[in-house]
């Protein structure tokens, strides 16, 4: 029995070390160079005192002007998130650029569910889109949706929301930036950075659940970056729009 316990403890320790020094750094900085991971980006000052963050990137064989429209129409009930739609959409993410969804401004809502989501904090056309969300906004949106008699959305969104609610800190503020860097040869470097500030929480299990939530976010974000790349590269040249 002692040998079994020793072997189990050794295996657990090895798994923990592997996760901390190999797996976790990989998904927190997927696709980025060391310089990109540490460089200052537009929107970093939105959460200047962030105590957690992740940066990911992908190279797209299309210029920023061909990538930007896909960012502008993101959101639930809009163009989608270009990820695993069964988790965050009703229907499928668009493979067309929708003209009426291109008018996005600072202060506008980018929904993650009916009646709520991120708010546009910074917008530099063909260059940077920075979204923001905090606890106060979540509460205000929930109260407004309740007062308006809004529904909670489809079952998949309710399920995803329940998981987020029970794993995220009770008090938080977060920024989510999408940065387009023009590269030679008509290419674009799309850099995505998520920064969050959270404090004391009334959920004692949060520090254990946050890594699992973080990995789940990585899975969705990796698919999103690949989805944007696929769509932008397919529309290089005359852009196909949905009339």
Protein backbone atom coordinates (compact mmCIF):
# COMPACT_ATOMS: atom_id res chain seq x y z
CA UNK A 1 0.00 0.00 0.00
CA UNK A 2 2.84 2.38 0.86
CA UNK A 3 4.43 1.72 -2.52
CA UNK A 4 1.11 2.44 -4.25
CA UNK A 5 0.65 5.68 -2.34
CA UNK A 6 4.22 6.71 -3.11
CA UNK A 7 3.77 5.94 -6.82
CA UNK A 8 0.46 7.87 -6.90
CA UNK A 9 2.04 10.87 -5.17
CA UNK A 10 4.99 10.81 -7.55
CA UNK A 11 2.71 10.62 -10.57
CA UNK A 12 0.58 13.48 -9.27
CA UNK A 13 3.66 15.61 -8.65
CA UNK A 14 4.98 14.89 -12.14
CA UNK A 15 1.63 15.78 -13.66
CA UNK A 16 1.51 19.04 -11.69
CA UNK A 17 5.03 20.00 -12.81
CA UNK A 18 4.24 19.15 -16.43
CA UNK A 19 1.07 21.23 -16.32
CA UNK A 20 2.74 24.24 -14.68
CA UNK A 21 5.89 24.39 -16.79
CA UNK A 22 4.77 22.94 -20.13
CA UNK A 23 1.03 22.74 -20.70
CA UNK A 24 -0.06 25.98 -19.04
CA UNK A 25 2.56 28.23 -20.72
CA UNK A 26 1.67 26.65 -24.09
CA UNK A 27 -2.02 27.49 -23.99
CA UNK A 28 -1.55 30.88 -22.34
CA UNK A 29 0.74 32.02 -25.19
CA UNK A 30 -0.32 29.91 -28.16
CA UNK A 31 1.21 31.09 -31.41
CA UNK A 32 3.02 34.13 -30.01
CA UNK A 33 6.70 34.98 -30.11
CA UNK A 34 8.47 35.89 -26.85
CA UNK A 35 8.49 39.54 -27.99
CA UNK A 36 4.74 39.53 -28.65
CA UNK A 37 4.01 37.94 -25.30
CA UNK A 38 5.70 40.77 -23.40
CA UNK A 39 5.14 43.76 -25.71
CA UNK A 40 2.70 46.53 -24.82
CA UNK A 41 -0.47 46.51 -26.88
CA UNK A 42 -3.37 48.88 -27.40
CA UNK A 43 -5.84 48.30 -24.57
CA UNK A 44 -3.36 47.13 -21.93
CA UNK A 45 -4.12 50.26 -19.92
CA UNK A 46 -7.83 49.40 -19.75
CA UNK A 47 -6.90 46.91 -17.01
CA UNK A 48 -3.63 48.50 -15.94
CA UNK A 49 -3.37 46.45 -12.73
CA UNK A 50 -4.27 43.06 -14.22
CA UNK A 51 -3.15 40.08 -12.17
CA UNK A 52 -3.69 37.52 -14.95
CA UNK A 53 -3.49 37.56 -18.71
CA UNK A 54 -3.05 35.53 -21.86
CA UNK A 55 -1.76 36.45 -25.33
CA UNK A 56 -2.25 34.41 -28.50
CA UNK A 57 -1.55 35.12 -32.16
CA UNK A 58 -1.89 33.84 -35.69
CA UNK A 59 -0.61 34.91 -39.11
CA UNK A 60 -3.27 35.46 -41.77
CA UNK A 61 -2.56 35.51 -45.51
CA UNK A 62 -4.71 38.59 -46.01
CA UNK A 63 -4.24 42.32 -45.30
CA UNK A 64 -5.76 43.96 -42.20
CA UNK A 65 -8.55 45.51 -44.28
CA UNK A 66 -9.75 41.99 -45.11
CA UNK A 67 -9.55 40.81 -41.50
CA UNK A 68 -11.18 43.82 -39.82
CA UNK A 69 -14.79 43.23 -41.01
CA UNK A 70 -14.82 39.81 -39.33
CA UNK A 71 -13.91 41.44 -36.01
CA UNK A 72 -16.51 44.16 -36.43
CA UNK A 73 -19.41 41.73 -36.76
CA UNK A 74 -18.47 39.39 -33.90
CA UNK A 75 -21.00 38.51 -31.25
CA UNK A 76 -24.01 36.39 -30.34
CA UNK A 77 -26.89 37.19 -32.65
CA UNK A 78 -24.47 38.98 -34.97
CA UNK A 79 -21.79 37.31 -37.11
CA UNK A 80 -20.90 34.84 -34.37
CA UNK A 81 -17.61 34.04 -32.67
CA UNK A 82 -16.20 31.73 -35.41
CA UNK A 83 -15.49 29.08 -32.80
CA UNK A 84 -17.43 26.02 -31.59
CA UNK A 85 -20.93 27.34 -32.29
CA UNK A 86 -22.62 24.66 -30.21
CA UNK A 87 -21.13 26.36 -27.15
CA UNK A 88 -21.68 30.06 -27.82
CA UNK A 89 -24.10 30.59 -30.70
CA UNK A 90 -27.65 30.00 -31.82
CA UNK A 91 -27.12 28.74 -35.33
CA UNK A 92 -23.81 29.03 -37.14
CA UNK A 93 -21.19 31.76 -37.31
CA UNK A 94 -21.33 33.66 -40.58
CA UNK A 95 -19.08 32.93 -43.53
CA UNK A 96 -20.18 36.21 -45.12
CA UNK A 97 -19.45 39.83 -44.25
CA UNK A 98 -22.74 41.46 -43.27
CA UNK A 99 -22.77 45.20 -44.11
CA UNK A 100 -25.33 46.19 -41.46
CA UNK A 101 -23.11 44.72 -38.74
CA UNK A 102 -20.07 46.85 -39.63
CA UNK A 103 -21.17 49.99 -37.78
CA UNK A 104 -19.61 49.39 -34.38
CA UNK A 105 -18.60 52.22 -32.05
CA UNK A 106 -17.08 52.78 -28.62
CA UNK A 107 -19.71 52.04 -25.99
CA UNK A 108 -21.61 49.56 -28.16
CA UNK A 109 -22.48 46.10 -26.91
CA UNK A 110 -20.87 42.99 -28.40
CA UNK A 111 -23.25 40.34 -27.05
CA UNK A 112 -22.23 37.00 -25.61
CA UNK A 113 -25.89 36.16 -24.90
CA UNK A 114 -29.27 37.89 -25.42
CA UNK A 115 -29.10 41.26 -23.68
CA UNK A 116 -25.54 41.20 -22.36
CA UNK A 117 -21.87 40.88 -23.15
CA UNK A 118 -18.72 42.95 -23.67
CA UNK A 119 -18.70 46.70 -24.32
CA UNK A 120 -16.41 48.30 -26.92
CA UNK A 121 -13.70 50.23 -25.06
CA UNK A 122 -11.30 51.11 -27.92
CA UNK A 123 -11.75 51.02 -31.67
CA UNK A 124 -9.09 51.90 -34.23
CA UNK A 125 -10.29 50.86 -37.71
CA UNK A 126 -8.19 48.11 -39.31
CA UNK A 127 -5.93 48.18 -36.28
CA UNK A 128 -7.42 47.50 -32.84
CA UNK A 129 -10.66 46.40 -31.20
CA UNK A 130 -10.70 46.30 -27.40
CA UNK A 131 -13.67 44.97 -25.45
CA UNK A 132 -14.40 45.41 -21.73
CA UNK A 133 -16.49 43.72 -19.06
CA UNK A 134 -16.68 43.89 -15.28
CA UNK A 135 -18.91 42.78 -12.43
CA UNK A 136 -20.96 45.98 -12.40
CA UNK A 137 -21.71 45.68 -16.11
CA UNK A 138 -22.77 42.06 -15.68
CA UNK A 139 -25.19 43.06 -12.92
CA UNK A 140 -26.56 46.04 -14.84
CA UNK A 141 -27.13 43.94 -17.94
CA UNK A 142 -28.85 41.21 -15.94
CA UNK A 143 -31.15 43.72 -14.25
CA UNK A 144 -31.96 45.44 -17.55
CA UNK A 145 -32.71 42.10 -19.23
CA UNK A 146 -34.95 41.06 -16.35
CA UNK A 147 -36.82 44.37 -16.42
CA UNK A 148 -37.33 44.03 -20.16
CA UNK A 149 -38.57 40.48 -19.79
CA UNK A 150 -35.80 39.16 -21.99
CA UNK A 151 -35.30 35.42 -22.25
CA UNK A 152 -32.08 33.76 -21.14
CA UNK A 153 -31.41 32.43 -24.60
CA UNK A 154 -31.02 28.88 -25.94
CA UNK A 155 -30.06 25.94 -23.74
CA UNK A 156 -26.41 25.88 -24.86
CA UNK A 157 -25.92 29.53 -23.85
CA UNK A 158 -27.60 28.94 -20.49
CA UNK A 159 -25.32 25.96 -19.85
CA UNK A 160 -22.18 27.88 -20.80
CA UNK A 161 -23.31 30.82 -18.66
CA UNK A 162 -23.86 28.56 -15.65
CA UNK A 163 -20.35 27.16 -15.96
CA UNK A 164 -18.85 30.65 -16.18
CA UNK A 165 -20.90 31.92 -13.25
CA UNK A 166 -19.74 29.11 -10.99
CA UNK A 167 -16.06 29.23 -11.92
CA UNK A 168 -15.22 32.91 -12.37
CA UNK A 169 -14.33 35.20 -9.43
CA UNK A 170 -17.21 37.04 -7.78
CA UNK A 171 -15.60 40.43 -8.55
CA UNK A 172 -13.60 41.01 -11.71
CA UNK A 173 -12.80 43.40 -14.55
CA UNK A 174 -11.47 42.24 -17.92
CA UNK A 175 -10.28 43.52 -21.28
CA UNK A 176 -10.20 41.53 -24.49
CA UNK A 177 -8.09 43.00 -27.30
CA UNK A 178 -7.79 42.07 -30.96
CA UNK A 179 -4.79 43.75 -32.60
CA UNK A 180 -3.96 43.71 -36.32
CA UNK A 181 -0.33 44.20 -37.34
CA UNK A 182 0.32 44.56 -41.07
CA UNK A 183 3.07 42.31 -42.39
CA UNK A 184 4.96 42.40 -45.70
CA UNK A 185 3.33 40.60 -48.61
CA UNK A 186 -0.23 41.60 -47.76
CA UNK A 187 -0.36 39.53 -44.58
CA UNK A 188 -1.65 40.26 -41.08
CA UNK A 189 -0.55 39.26 -37.64
CA UNK A 190 -3.70 38.93 -35.49
CA UNK A 191 -2.85 39.17 -31.79
CA UNK A 192 -5.50 38.43 -29.16
CA UNK A 193 -4.89 39.42 -25.55
CA UNK A 194 -7.12 38.84 -22.53
CA UNK A 195 -6.33 40.66 -19.27
CA UNK A 196 -8.25 40.33 -16.03
CA UNK A 197 -8.17 41.78 -12.56
CA UNK A 198 -9.92 39.87 -9.79
CA UNK A 199 -9.88 40.27 -6.05
CA UNK A 200 -11.14 38.37 -3.06
CA UNK A 201 -13.93 35.98 -3.85
CA UNK A 202 -16.68 34.39 -1.83
CA UNK A 203 -16.16 31.15 -3.73
CA UNK A 204 -13.34 29.25 -2.00
CA UNK A 205 -13.07 26.81 -4.91
CA UNK A 206 -12.41 29.51 -7.52
CA UNK A 207 -8.61 29.27 -7.39
CA UNK A 208 -8.92 25.60 -8.30
CA UNK A 209 -11.54 26.06 -11.04
CA UNK A 210 -9.96 29.06 -12.78
CA UNK A 211 -7.24 26.98 -14.52
CA UNK A 212 -9.88 24.67 -15.95
CA UNK A 213 -11.94 27.63 -17.13
CA UNK A 214 -8.79 29.16 -18.60
CA UNK A 215 -8.06 26.05 -20.61
CA UNK A 216 -11.65 25.99 -21.84
CA UNK A 217 -11.29 29.61 -22.98
CA UNK A 218 -8.08 28.68 -24.80
CA UNK A 219 -9.83 25.88 -26.70
CA UNK A 220 -12.55 28.30 -27.83
CA UNK A 221 -10.08 31.08 -28.66
CA UNK A 222 -7.78 28.85 -30.68
CA UNK A 223 -10.75 27.80 -32.79
CA UNK A 224 -11.84 31.44 -33.11
CA UNK A 225 -8.46 32.60 -34.39
CA UNK A 226 -8.39 29.75 -36.89
CA UNK A 227 -11.96 30.60 -37.91
CA UNK A 228 -11.09 34.24 -38.57
CA UNK A 229 -8.02 33.19 -40.54
CA UNK A 230 -10.09 30.80 -42.69
CA UNK A 231 -12.72 33.43 -43.44
CA UNK A 232 -10.34 36.32 -44.13
CA UNK A 233 -8.14 34.27 -46.44
CA UNK A 234 -11.21 33.06 -48.34
CA UNK A 235 -12.35 36.63 -49.02
CA UNK A 236 -9.07 38.15 -50.19
CA UNK A 237 -9.84 40.06 -53.37
CA UNK A 238 -13.46 41.03 -54.04
CA UNK A 239 -15.14 40.71 -50.65
CA UNK A 240 -18.34 38.68 -50.70
CA UNK A 241 -21.09 40.39 -48.73
CA UNK A 242 -24.51 39.25 -47.63
CA UNK A 243 -27.07 41.54 -49.26
